[in-house]
PDB file of all heavy atoms in Angstrom:
ATOM      1  N   ALA A   1      -0.269   1.566   2.475  1.00  0.00           N
ATOM      2  CA  ALA A   1       1.078   1.313   2.995  1.00  0.00           C
ATOM      3  C   ALA A   1       1.775   0.289   2.105  1.00  0.00           C
ATOM      4  O   ALA A   1       1.186  -0.722   1.723  1.00  0.00           O
ATOM      5  CB  ALA A   1       1.017   0.799   4.433  1.00  0.00           C
ATOM      6  N   THR A   2       3.030   0.560   1.780  1.00  0.00           N
ATOM      7  CA  THR A   2       3.797  -0.380   0.964  1.00  0.00           C
ATOM      8  C   THR A   2       5.285  -0.165   1.185  1.00  0.00           C
ATOM      9  O   THR A   2       5.731   0.932   1.519  1.00  0.00           O
ATOM     10  CB  THR A   2       3.496  -0.209  -0.543  1.00  0.00           C
ATOM     11  OG1 THR A   2       4.307  -1.138  -1.302  1.00  0.00           O
ATOM     12  CG2 THR A   2       3.800   1.191  -1.028  1.00  0.00           C
ATOM     13  N   HIS A   3       6.039  -1.222   0.994  1.00  0.00           N
ATOM     14  CA  HIS A   3       7.486  -1.087   0.881  1.00  0.00           C
ATOM     15  C   HIS A   3       7.771  -0.436  -0.466  1.00  0.00           C
ATOM     16  O   HIS A   3       6.991  -0.567  -1.411  1.00  0.00           O
ATOM     17  CB  HIS A   3       8.151  -2.467   0.967  1.00  0.00           C
ATOM     18  CG  HIS A   3       9.641  -2.423   0.984  1.00  0.00           C
ATOM     19  ND1 HIS A   3      10.406  -2.679  -0.127  1.00  0.00           N
ATOM     20  CD2 HIS A   3      10.516  -2.155   1.981  1.00  0.00           C
ATOM     21  CE1 HIS A   3      11.685  -2.573   0.184  1.00  0.00           C
ATOM     22  NE2 HIS A   3      11.778  -2.252   1.457  1.00  0.00           N
ATOM     23  N   HIS A   4       8.900   0.260  -0.580  1.00  0.00           N
ATOM     24  CA  HIS A   4       9.179   0.973  -1.822  1.00  0.00           C
ATOM     25  C   HIS A   4       9.364   0.024  -3.009  1.00  0.00           C
ATOM     26  O   HIS A   4       8.940   0.332  -4.132  1.00  0.00           O
ATOM     27  CB  HIS A   4      10.436   1.844  -1.668  1.00  0.00           C
ATOM     28  CG  HIS A   4      10.713   2.704  -2.848  1.00  0.00           C
ATOM     29  ND1 HIS A   4      11.443   2.275  -3.941  1.00  0.00           N
ATOM     30  CD2 HIS A   4      10.341   3.979  -3.132  1.00  0.00           C
ATOM     31  CE1 HIS A   4      11.511   3.236  -4.831  1.00  0.00           C
ATOM     32  NE2 HIS A   4      10.852   4.280  -4.369  1.00  0.00           N
ATOM     33  N   ALA A   5       9.993  -1.143  -2.776  1.00  0.00           N
ATOM     34  CA  ALA A   5      10.376  -2.020  -3.883  1.00  0.00           C
ATOM     35  C   ALA A   5       9.223  -2.402  -4.811  1.00  0.00           C
ATOM     36  O   ALA A   5       9.351  -2.305  -6.032  1.00  0.00           O
ATOM     37  CB  ALA A   5      11.076  -3.265  -3.340  1.00  0.00           C
ATOM     38  N   PRO A   6       8.059  -2.856  -4.299  1.00  0.00           N
ATOM     39  CA  PRO A   6       6.975  -3.242  -5.202  1.00  0.00           C
ATOM     40  C   PRO A   6       5.990  -2.121  -5.516  1.00  0.00           C
ATOM     41  O   PRO A   6       4.967  -2.351  -6.158  1.00  0.00           O
ATOM     42  CB  PRO A   6       6.270  -4.360  -4.427  1.00  0.00           C
ATOM     43  CG  PRO A   6       6.398  -3.933  -3.007  1.00  0.00           C
ATOM     44  CD  PRO A   6       7.747  -3.246  -2.902  1.00  0.00           C
ATOM     45  N   SER A   7       6.283  -0.897  -5.083  1.00  0.00           N
ATOM     46  CA  SER A   7       5.295   0.180  -5.180  1.00  0.00           C
ATOM     47  C   SER A   7       4.920   0.526  -6.621  1.00  0.00           C
ATOM     48  O   SER A   7       3.821   1.011  -6.886  1.00  0.00           O
ATOM     49  CB  SER A   7       5.789   1.435  -4.461  1.00  0.00           C
ATOM     50  OG  SER A   7       6.992   1.915  -5.042  1.00  0.00           O
ATOM     51  N   SER A   8       5.837   0.272  -7.572  1.00  0.00           N
ATOM     52  CA  SER A   8       5.531   0.572  -8.970  1.00  0.00           C
ATOM     53  C   SER A   8       4.432  -0.327  -9.529  1.00  0.00           C
ATOM     54  O   SER A   8       3.888  -0.059 -10.604  1.00  0.00           O
ATOM     55  CB  SER A   8       6.790   0.447  -9.832  1.00  0.00           C
ATOM     56  OG  SER A   8       7.288  -0.877  -9.803  1.00  0.00           O
ATOM     57  N   LEU A   9       4.081  -1.388  -8.806  1.00  0.00           N
ATOM     58  CA  LEU A   9       3.010  -2.288  -9.229  1.00  0.00           C
ATOM     59  C   LEU A   9       1.625  -1.787  -8.826  1.00  0.00           C
ATOM     60  O   LEU A   9       0.616  -2.350  -9.265  1.00  0.00           O
ATOM     61  CB  LEU A   9       3.225  -3.687  -8.634  1.00  0.00           C
ATOM     62  CG  LEU A   9       4.373  -4.509  -9.215  1.00  0.00           C
ATOM     63  CD1 LEU A   9       4.579  -5.782  -8.394  1.00  0.00           C
ATOM     64  CD2 LEU A   9       4.112  -4.862 -10.668  1.00  0.00           C
ATOM     65  N   LEU A  10       1.557  -0.757  -8.011  1.00  0.00           N
ATOM     66  CA  LEU A  10       0.244  -0.278  -7.541  1.00  0.00           C
ATOM     67  C   LEU A  10      -0.721   0.049  -8.672  1.00  0.00           C
ATOM     68  O   LEU A  10      -1.896  -0.357  -8.616  1.00  0.00           O
ATOM     69  CB  LEU A  10       0.427   0.929  -6.609  1.00  0.00           C
ATOM     70  CG  LEU A  10       0.785   0.611  -5.166  1.00  0.00           C
ATOM     71  CD1 LEU A  10       1.137   1.879  -4.398  1.00  0.00           C
ATOM     72  CD2 LEU A  10      -0.363  -0.127  -4.471  1.00  0.00           C
ATOM     73  N   PRO A  11      -0.308   0.774  -9.722  1.00  0.00           N
ATOM     74  CA  PRO A  11      -1.252   1.040 -10.814  1.00  0.00           C
ATOM     75  C   PRO A  11      -1.792  -0.235 -11.461  1.00  0.00           C
ATOM     76  O   PRO A  11      -2.959  -0.288 -11.855  1.00  0.00           O
ATOM     77  CB  PRO A  11      -0.417   1.865 -11.805  1.00  0.00           C
ATOM     78  CG  PRO A  11       0.625   2.515 -10.958  1.00  0.00           C
ATOM     79  CD  PRO A  11       0.972   1.487  -9.912  1.00  0.00           C
ATOM     80  N   TRP A  12      -0.961  -1.259 -11.551  1.00  0.00           N
ATOM     81  CA  TRP A  12      -1.420  -2.529 -12.131  1.00  0.00           C
ATOM     82  C   TRP A  12      -2.425  -3.205 -11.205  1.00  0.00           C
ATOM     83  O   TRP A  12      -3.483  -3.663 -11.648  1.00  0.00           O
ATOM     84  CB  TRP A  12      -0.225  -3.451 -12.381  1.00  0.00           C
ATOM     85  CG  TRP A  12      -0.605  -4.735 -13.065  1.00  0.00           C
ATOM     86  CD1 TRP A  12      -0.739  -4.955 -14.391  1.00  0.00           C
ATOM     87  CD2 TRP A  12      -0.907  -5.989 -12.419  1.00  0.00           C
ATOM     88  NE1 TRP A  12      -1.105  -6.257 -14.641  1.00  0.00           N
ATOM     89  CE2 TRP A  12      -1.215  -6.916 -13.446  1.00  0.00           C
ATOM     90  CE3 TRP A  12      -0.944  -6.409 -11.095  1.00  0.00           C
ATOM     91  CZ2 TRP A  12      -1.560  -8.238 -13.174  1.00  0.00           C
ATOM     92  CZ3 TRP A  12      -1.293  -7.727 -10.819  1.00  0.00           C
ATOM     93  CH2 TRP A  12      -1.596  -8.623 -11.857  1.00  0.00           C
ATOM     94  N   PHE A  13      -2.105  -3.261  -9.917  1.00  0.00           N
ATOM     95  CA  PHE A  13      -3.012  -3.896  -8.965  1.00  0.00           C
ATOM     96  C   PHE A  13      -4.368  -3.184  -8.912  1.00  0.00           C
ATOM     97  O   PHE A  13      -5.401  -3.825  -8.717  1.00  0.00           O
ATOM     98  CB  PHE A  13      -2.395  -3.904  -7.560  1.00  0.00           C
ATOM     99  CG  PHE A  13      -1.298  -4.910  -7.364  1.00  0.00           C
ATOM    100  CD1 PHE A  13      -0.067  -4.523  -6.843  1.00  0.00           C
ATOM    101  CD2 PHE A  13      -1.485  -6.247  -7.670  1.00  0.00           C
ATOM    102  CE1 PHE A  13       0.945  -5.448  -6.647  1.00  0.00           C
ATOM    103  CE2 PHE A  13      -0.476  -7.181  -7.491  1.00  0.00           C
ATOM    104  CZ  PHE A  13       0.743  -6.776  -6.979  1.00  0.00           C
ATOM    105  N   LEU A  14      -4.366  -1.874  -9.066  1.00  0.00           N
ATOM    106  CA  LEU A  14      -5.587  -1.087  -8.866  1.00  0.00           C
ATOM    107  C   LEU A  14      -6.215  -0.610 -10.170  1.00  0.00           C
ATOM    108  O   LEU A  14      -7.052   0.293 -10.165  1.00  0.00           O
ATOM    109  CB  LEU A  14      -5.266   0.111  -7.961  1.00  0.00           C
ATOM    110  CG  LEU A  14      -4.771  -0.259  -6.557  1.00  0.00           C
ATOM    111  CD1 LEU A  14      -4.365   0.991  -5.788  1.00  0.00           C
ATOM    112  CD2 LEU A  14      -5.824  -1.052  -5.799  1.00  0.00           C
ATOM    113  N   ALA A  15      -5.831  -1.224 -11.278  1.00  0.00           N
ATOM    114  CA  ALA A  15      -6.334  -0.793 -12.588  1.00  0.00           C
ATOM    115  C   ALA A  15      -7.850  -0.864 -12.693  1.00  0.00           C
ATOM    116  O   ALA A  15      -8.475  -0.075 -13.415  1.00  0.00           O
ATOM    117  CB  ALA A  15      -5.687  -1.625 -13.693  1.00  0.00           C
ATOM    118  N   ASP A  16      -8.468  -1.795 -11.986  1.00  0.00           N
ATOM    119  CA  ASP A  16      -9.921  -1.982 -12.075  1.00  0.00           C
ATOM    120  C   ASP A  16     -10.685  -1.194 -11.009  1.00  0.00           C
ATOM    121  O   ASP A  16     -11.901  -1.350 -10.882  1.00  0.00           O
ATOM    122  CB  ASP A  16     -10.273  -3.469 -11.960  1.00  0.00           C
ATOM    123  CG  ASP A  16      -9.737  -4.279 -13.140  1.00  0.00           C
ATOM    124  OD1 ASP A  16      -9.602  -3.702 -14.228  1.00  0.00           O
ATOM    125  OD2 ASP A  16      -9.444  -5.474 -12.944  1.00  0.00           O
ATOM    126  N   PHE A  17      -9.955  -0.381 -10.241  1.00  0.00           N
ATOM    127  CA  PHE A  17     -10.597   0.369  -9.163  1.00  0.00           C
ATOM    128  C   PHE A  17     -10.583   1.863  -9.492  1.00  0.00           C
ATOM    129  O   PHE A  17      -9.583   2.392  -9.979  1.00  0.00           O
ATOM    130  CB  PHE A  17      -9.872   0.139  -7.833  1.00  0.00           C
ATOM    131  CG  PHE A  17      -9.992  -1.260  -7.312  1.00  0.00           C
ATOM    132  CD1 PHE A  17      -9.113  -2.247  -7.742  1.00  0.00           C
ATOM    133  CD2 PHE A  17     -10.978  -1.594  -6.402  1.00  0.00           C
ATOM    134  CE1 PHE A  17      -9.213  -3.544  -7.271  1.00  0.00           C
ATOM    135  CE2 PHE A  17     -11.084  -2.885  -5.917  1.00  0.00           C
ATOM    136  CZ  PHE A  17     -10.214  -3.861  -6.357  1.00  0.00           C
ATOM    137  N   ASP A  18     -11.676   2.503  -9.218  1.00  0.00           N
ATOM    138  CA  ASP A  18     -11.759   3.954  -9.381  1.00  0.00           C
ATOM    139  C   ASP A  18     -11.593   4.584  -8.002  1.00  0.00           C
ATOM    140  O   ASP A  18     -12.573   4.802  -7.283  1.00  0.00           O
ATOM    141  CB  ASP A  18     -13.107   4.338 -10.003  1.00  0.00           C
ATOM    142  CG  ASP A  18     -13.225   5.841 -10.225  1.00  0.00           C
ATOM    143  OD1 ASP A  18     -12.177   6.508 -10.236  1.00  0.00           O
ATOM    144  OD2 ASP A  18     -14.366   6.337 -10.366  1.00  0.00           O
ATOM    145  N   MET A  19     -10.359   4.838  -7.644  1.00  0.00           N
ATOM    146  CA  MET A  19     -10.106   5.382  -6.302  1.00  0.00           C
ATOM    147  C   MET A  19      -8.922   6.335  -6.331  1.00  0.00           C
ATOM    148  O   MET A  19      -8.025   6.207  -7.161  1.00  0.00           O
ATOM    149  CB  MET A  19      -9.840   4.256  -5.297  1.00  0.00           C
ATOM    150  CG  MET A  19      -8.546   3.499  -5.536  1.00  0.00           C
ATOM    151  SD  MET A  19      -8.093   2.356  -4.189  1.00  0.00           S
ATOM    152  CE  MET A  19      -9.434   1.172  -4.257  1.00  0.00           C
ATOM    153  N   LYS A  20      -8.961   7.286  -5.423  1.00  0.00           N
ATOM    154  CA  LYS A  20      -7.821   8.155  -5.195  1.00  0.00           C
ATOM    155  C   LYS A  20      -7.057   7.606  -3.997  1.00  0.00           C
ATOM    156  O   LYS A  20      -7.664   7.149  -3.025  1.00  0.00           O
ATOM    157  CB  LYS A  20      -8.286   9.588  -4.909  1.00  0.00           C
ATOM    158  CG  LYS A  20      -8.983  10.258  -6.090  1.00  0.00           C
ATOM    159  CD  LYS A  20      -9.402  11.666  -5.718  1.00  0.00           C
ATOM    160  CE  LYS A  20     -10.110  12.348  -6.882  1.00  0.00           C
ATOM    161  NZ  LYS A  20     -10.538  13.732  -6.540  1.00  0.00           N
ATOM    162  N   TYR A  21      -5.749   7.657  -4.091  1.00  0.00           N
ATOM    163  CA  TYR A  21      -4.977   7.121  -2.970  1.00  0.00           C
ATOM    164  C   TYR A  21      -3.653   7.856  -2.812  1.00  0.00           C
ATOM    165  O   TYR A  21      -3.128   8.467  -3.753  1.00  0.00           O
ATOM    166  CB  TYR A  21      -4.733   5.623  -3.139  1.00  0.00           C
ATOM    167  CG  TYR A  21      -3.933   5.218  -4.360  1.00  0.00           C
ATOM    168  CD1 TYR A  21      -2.538   5.187  -4.327  1.00  0.00           C
ATOM    169  CD2 TYR A  21      -4.566   4.846  -5.544  1.00  0.00           C
ATOM    170  CE1 TYR A  21      -1.798   4.808  -5.431  1.00  0.00           C
ATOM    171  CE2 TYR A  21      -3.842   4.469  -6.659  1.00  0.00           C
ATOM    172  CZ  TYR A  21      -2.464   4.444  -6.596  1.00  0.00           C
ATOM    173  OH  TYR A  21      -1.727   4.072  -7.699  1.00  0.00           O
ATOM    174  N   GLU A  22      -3.145   7.782  -1.598  1.00  0.00           N
ATOM    175  CA  GLU A  22      -1.826   8.294  -1.252  1.00  0.00           C
ATOM    176  C   GLU A  22      -0.990   7.120  -0.764  1.00  0.00           C
ATOM    177  O   GLU A  22      -1.517   6.184  -0.159  1.00  0.00           O
ATOM    178  CB  GLU A  22      -1.928   9.360  -0.163  1.00  0.00           C
ATOM    179  CG  GLU A  22      -2.788  10.549  -0.533  1.00  0.00           C
ATOM    180  CD  GLU A  22      -3.020  11.471   0.649  1.00  0.00           C
ATOM    181  OE1 GLU A  22      -2.240  11.392   1.629  1.00  0.00           O
ATOM    182  OE2 GLU A  22      -3.983  12.256   0.610  1.00  0.00           O
ATOM    183  N   VAL A  23       0.297   7.189  -1.022  1.00  0.00           N
ATOM    184  CA  VAL A  23       1.193   6.083  -0.660  1.00  0.00           C
ATOM    185  C   VAL A  23       1.992   6.436   0.593  1.00  0.00           C
ATOM    186  O   VAL A  23       2.586   7.509   0.684  1.00  0.00           O
ATOM    187  CB  VAL A  23       2.155   5.757  -1.818  1.00  0.00           C
ATOM    188  CG1 VAL A  23       3.152   4.671  -1.396  1.00  0.00           C
ATOM    189  CG2 VAL A  23       1.367   5.304  -3.048  1.00  0.00           C
ATOM    190  N   LEU A  24       1.978   5.518   1.550  1.00  0.00           N
ATOM    191  CA  LEU A  24       2.800   5.630   2.751  1.00  0.00           C
ATOM    192  C   LEU A  24       3.881   4.562   2.672  1.00  0.00           C
ATOM    193  O   LEU A  24       3.586   3.366   2.716  1.00  0.00           O
ATOM    194  CB  LEU A  24       1.965   5.422   4.012  1.00  0.00           C
ATOM    195  CG  LEU A  24       2.739   5.365   5.332  1.00  0.00           C
ATOM    196  CD1 LEU A  24       3.377   6.718   5.647  1.00  0.00           C
ATOM    197  CD2 LEU A  24       1.840   4.906   6.475  1.00  0.00           C
ATOM    198  N   PHE A  25       5.136   4.976   2.534  1.00  0.00           N
ATOM    199  CA  PHE A  25       6.223   4.012   2.439  1.00  0.00           C
ATOM    200  C   PHE A  25       6.636   3.533   3.829  1.00  0.00           C
ATOM    201  O   PHE A  25       6.819   4.334   4.743  1.00  0.00           O
ATOM    202  CB  PHE A  25       7.424   4.613   1.714  1.00  0.00           C
ATOM    203  CG  PHE A  25       7.197   4.820   0.241  1.00  0.00           C
ATOM    204  CD1 PHE A  25       7.151   6.087  -0.297  1.00  0.00           C
ATOM    205  CD2 PHE A  25       7.005   3.735  -0.593  1.00  0.00           C
ATOM    206  CE1 PHE A  25       6.930   6.284  -1.653  1.00  0.00           C
ATOM    207  CE2 PHE A  25       6.783   3.905  -1.950  1.00  0.00           C
ATOM    208  CZ  PHE A  25       6.742   5.185  -2.480  1.00  0.00           C
ATOM    209  N   VAL A  26       6.773   2.216   3.959  1.00  0.00           N
ATOM    210  CA  VAL A  26       7.195   1.596   5.217  1.00  0.00           C
ATOM    211  C   VAL A  26       8.370   0.665   4.924  1.00  0.00           C
ATOM    212  O   VAL A  26       8.780   0.502   3.774  1.00  0.00           O
ATOM    213  CB  VAL A  26       6.028   0.828   5.874  1.00  0.00           C
ATOM    214  CG1 VAL A  26       4.921   1.783   6.287  1.00  0.00           C
ATOM    215  CG2 VAL A  26       5.475  -0.248   4.936  1.00  0.00           C
ATOM    216  N   ASN A  27       8.902   0.033   5.951  1.00  0.00           N
ATOM    217  CA  ASN A  27      10.141  -0.722   5.798  1.00  0.00           C
ATOM    218  C   ASN A  27       9.983  -2.116   5.205  1.00  0.00           C
ATOM    219  O   ASN A  27      10.979  -2.712   4.777  1.00  0.00           O
ATOM    220  CB  ASN A  27      10.839  -0.840   7.154  1.00  0.00           C
ATOM    221  CG  ASN A  27      11.389   0.488   7.633  1.00  0.00           C
ATOM    222  OD1 ASN A  27      11.886   1.281   6.848  1.00  0.00           O
ATOM    223  ND2 ASN A  27      11.279   0.740   8.926  1.00  0.00           N
ATOM    224  N   SER A  28       8.762  -2.647   5.182  1.00  0.00           N
ATOM    225  CA  SER A  28       8.567  -3.984   4.631  1.00  0.00           C
ATOM    226  C   SER A  28       7.096  -4.209   4.319  1.00  0.00           C
ATOM    227  O   SER A  28       6.221  -3.478   4.807  1.00  0.00           O
ATOM    228  CB  SER A  28       9.041  -5.068   5.616  1.00  0.00           C
ATOM    229  OG  SER A  28       8.165  -5.150   6.736  1.00  0.00           O
ATOM    230  N   THR A  29       6.829  -5.237   3.532  1.00  0.00           N
ATOM    231  CA  THR A  29       5.450  -5.589   3.218  1.00  0.00           C
ATOM    232  C   THR A  29       4.713  -6.102   4.450  1.00  0.00           C
ATOM    233  O   THR A  29       3.502  -5.921   4.570  1.00  0.00           O
ATOM    234  CB  THR A  29       5.407  -6.657   2.110  1.00  0.00           C
ATOM    235  OG1 THR A  29       6.281  -7.746   2.463  1.00  0.00           O
ATOM    236  CG2 THR A  29       5.856  -6.086   0.774  1.00  0.00           C
ATOM    237  N   SER A  30       5.439  -6.715   5.370  1.00  0.00           N
ATOM    238  CA  SER A  30       4.801  -7.174   6.609  1.00  0.00           C
ATOM    239  C   SER A  30       4.434  -6.000   7.498  1.00  0.00           C
ATOM    240  O   SER A  30       3.369  -5.991   8.119  1.00  0.00           O
ATOM    241  CB  SER A  30       5.721  -8.142   7.363  1.00  0.00           C
ATOM    242  OG  SER A  30       5.812  -9.374   6.683  1.00  0.00           O
ATOM    243  N   GLU A  31       5.310  -4.991   7.567  1.00  0.00           N
ATOM    244  CA  GLU A  31       4.970  -3.798   8.327  1.00  0.00           C
ATOM    245  C   GLU A  31       3.739  -3.129   7.719  1.00  0.00           C
ATOM    246  O   GLU A  31       2.882  -2.604   8.449  1.00  0.00           O
ATOM    247  CB  GLU A  31       6.139  -2.812   8.355  1.00  0.00           C
ATOM    248  CG  GLU A  31       5.841  -1.583   9.206  1.00  0.00           C
ATOM    249  CD  GLU A  31       6.946  -0.547   9.199  1.00  0.00           C
ATOM    250  OE1 GLU A  31       8.057  -0.859   8.707  1.00  0.00           O
ATOM    251  OE2 GLU A  31       6.705   0.583   9.677  1.00  0.00           O
ATOM    252  N   ALA A  32       3.629  -3.153   6.394  1.00  0.00           N
ATOM    253  CA  ALA A  32       2.454  -2.584   5.730  1.00  0.00           C
ATOM    254  C   ALA A  32       1.186  -3.297   6.172  1.00  0.00           C
ATOM    255  O   ALA A  32       0.159  -2.669   6.463  1.00  0.00           O
ATOM    256  CB  ALA A  32       2.618  -2.680   4.216  1.00  0.00           C
ATOM    257  N   ALA A  33       1.242  -4.643   6.237  1.00  0.00           N
ATOM    258  CA  ALA A  33       0.076  -5.419   6.661  1.00  0.00           C
ATOM    259  C   ALA A  33      -0.269  -5.163   8.123  1.00  0.00           C
ATOM    260  O   ALA A  33      -1.449  -5.110   8.494  1.00  0.00           O
ATOM    261  CB  ALA A  33       0.335  -6.906   6.426  1.00  0.00           C
ATOM    262  N   ILE A  34       0.741  -4.991   8.952  1.00  0.00           N
ATOM    263  CA  ILE A  34       0.512  -4.717  10.371  1.00  0.00           C
ATOM    264  C   ILE A  34      -0.161  -3.357  10.548  1.00  0.00           C
ATOM    265  O   ILE A  34      -1.082  -3.207  11.361  1.00  0.00           O
ATOM    266  CB  ILE A  34       1.841  -4.792  11.154  1.00  0.00           C
ATOM    267  CG1 ILE A  34       2.349  -6.246  11.196  1.00  0.00           C
ATOM    268  CG2 ILE A  34       1.675  -4.255  12.569  1.00  0.00           C
ATOM    269  CD1 ILE A  34       3.760  -6.395  11.732  1.00  0.00           C
ATOM    270  N   LYS A  35       0.289  -2.366   9.789  1.00  0.00           N
ATOM    271  CA  LYS A  35      -0.334  -1.046   9.878  1.00  0.00           C
ATOM    272  C   LYS A  35      -1.799  -1.109   9.451  1.00  0.00           C
ATOM    273  O   LYS A  35      -2.661  -0.431  10.032  1.00  0.00           O
ATOM    274  CB  LYS A  35       0.438  -0.036   9.022  1.00  0.00           C
ATOM    275  CG  LYS A  35       1.717   0.462   9.666  1.00  0.00           C
ATOM    276  CD  LYS A  35       2.327   1.606   8.906  1.00  0.00           C
ATOM    277  CE  LYS A  35       3.506   2.208   9.650  1.00  0.00           C
ATOM    278  NZ  LYS A  35       3.121   2.834  10.941  1.00  0.00           N
ATOM    279  N   LEU A  36      -2.088  -1.913   8.443  1.00  0.00           N
ATOM    280  CA  LEU A  36      -3.479  -2.092   8.018  1.00  0.00           C
ATOM    281  C   LEU A  36      -4.277  -2.779   9.115  1.00  0.00           C
ATOM    282  O   LEU A  36      -5.395  -2.355   9.448  1.00  0.00           O
ATOM    283  CB  LEU A  36      -3.534  -2.905   6.722  1.00  0.00           C
ATOM    284  CG  LEU A  36      -4.926  -3.230   6.200  1.00  0.00           C
ATOM    285  CD1 LEU A  36      -5.723  -1.966   5.891  1.00  0.00           C
ATOM    286  CD2 LEU A  36      -4.834  -4.127   4.962  1.00  0.00           C
ATOM    287  N   GLN A  37      -3.732  -3.830   9.672  1.00  0.00           N
ATOM    288  CA  GLN A  37      -4.411  -4.568  10.731  1.00  0.00           C
ATOM    289  C   GLN A  37      -4.746  -3.662  11.911  1.00  0.00           C
ATOM    290  O   GLN A  37      -5.826  -3.766  12.512  1.00  0.00           O
ATOM    291  CB  GLN A  37      -3.518  -5.722  11.201  1.00  0.00           C
ATOM    292  CG  GLN A  37      -4.124  -6.584  12.288  1.00  0.00           C
ATOM    293  CD  GLN A  37      -3.086  -7.523  12.916  1.00  0.00           C
ATOM    294  OE1 GLN A  37      -2.020  -7.077  13.331  1.00  0.00           O
ATOM    295  NE2 GLN A  37      -3.400  -8.799  12.956  1.00  0.00           N
ATOM    296  N   LYS A  38      -3.851  -2.737  12.227  1.00  0.00           N
ATOM    297  CA  LYS A  38      -4.040  -1.835  13.367  1.00  0.00           C
ATOM    298  C   LYS A  38      -4.952  -0.652  13.047  1.00  0.00           C
ATOM    299  O   LYS A  38      -5.248   0.159  13.935  1.00  0.00           O
ATOM    300  CB  LYS A  38      -2.684  -1.323  13.850  1.00  0.00           C
ATOM    301  CG  LYS A  38      -1.816  -2.390  14.504  1.00  0.00           C
ATOM    302  CD  LYS A  38      -0.499  -1.792  14.976  1.00  0.00           C
ATOM    303  CE  LYS A  38       0.347  -2.817  15.715  1.00  0.00           C
ATOM    304  NZ  LYS A  38       1.648  -2.241  16.167  1.00  0.00           N
ATOM    305  N   GLY A  39      -5.358  -0.526  11.790  1.00  0.00           N
ATOM    306  CA  GLY A  39      -6.236   0.572  11.421  1.00  0.00           C
ATOM    307  C   GLY A  39      -5.523   1.881  11.138  1.00  0.00           C
ATOM    308  O   GLY A  39      -6.154   2.932  11.077  1.00  0.00           O
ATOM    309  N   GLU A  40      -4.220   1.823  10.942  1.00  0.00           N
ATOM    310  CA  GLU A  40      -3.447   3.036  10.702  1.00  0.00           C
ATOM    311  C   GLU A  40      -3.486   3.483   9.245  1.00  0.00           C
ATOM    312  O   GLU A  40      -3.145   4.623   8.933  1.00  0.00           O
ATOM    313  CB  GLU A  40      -1.996   2.816  11.146  1.00  0.00           C
ATOM    314  CG  GLU A  40      -1.862   2.532  12.641  1.00  0.00           C
ATOM    315  CD  GLU A  40      -0.426   2.223  13.049  1.00  0.00           C
ATOM    316  OE1 GLU A  40       0.489   2.449  12.219  1.00  0.00           O
ATOM    317  OE2 GLU A  40      -0.221   1.768  14.189  1.00  0.00           O
ATOM    318  N   VAL A  41      -3.838   2.571   8.338  1.00  0.00           N
ATOM    319  CA  VAL A  41      -3.970   2.883   6.913  1.00  0.00           C
ATOM    320  C   VAL A  41      -5.225   2.200   6.389  1.00  0.00           C
ATOM    321  O   VAL A  41      -5.841   1.359   7.072  1.00  0.00           O
ATOM    322  CB  VAL A  41      -2.734   2.419   6.099  1.00  0.00           C
ATOM    323  CG1 VAL A  41      -1.481   3.184   6.529  1.00  0.00           C
ATOM    324  CG2 VAL A  41      -2.513   0.919   6.255  1.00  0.00           C
ATOM    325  N   ASP A  42      -5.619   2.524   5.157  1.00  0.00           N
ATOM    326  CA  ASP A  42      -6.827   1.946   4.565  1.00  0.00           C
ATOM    327  C   ASP A  42      -6.555   0.667   3.795  1.00  0.00           C
ATOM    328  O   ASP A  42      -7.388  -0.241   3.760  1.00  0.00           O
ATOM    329  CB  ASP A  42      -7.474   2.961   3.613  1.00  0.00           C
ATOM    330  CG  ASP A  42      -7.815   4.258   4.310  1.00  0.00           C
ATOM    331  OD1 ASP A  42      -8.647   4.216   5.230  1.00  0.00           O
ATOM    332  OD2 ASP A  42      -7.240   5.303   3.942  1.00  0.00           O
TER     333      ASP A  42
END
């Protein structure tokens, strides 16, 4: 989960990880953290 604005940084953040992922756009970075906390995203 991510807000659209910083989403282009995902490849940089995950450069050292070998993982497949899908992006779920939400309205803010805090909403992204809340969705993670609730178990709605990984």
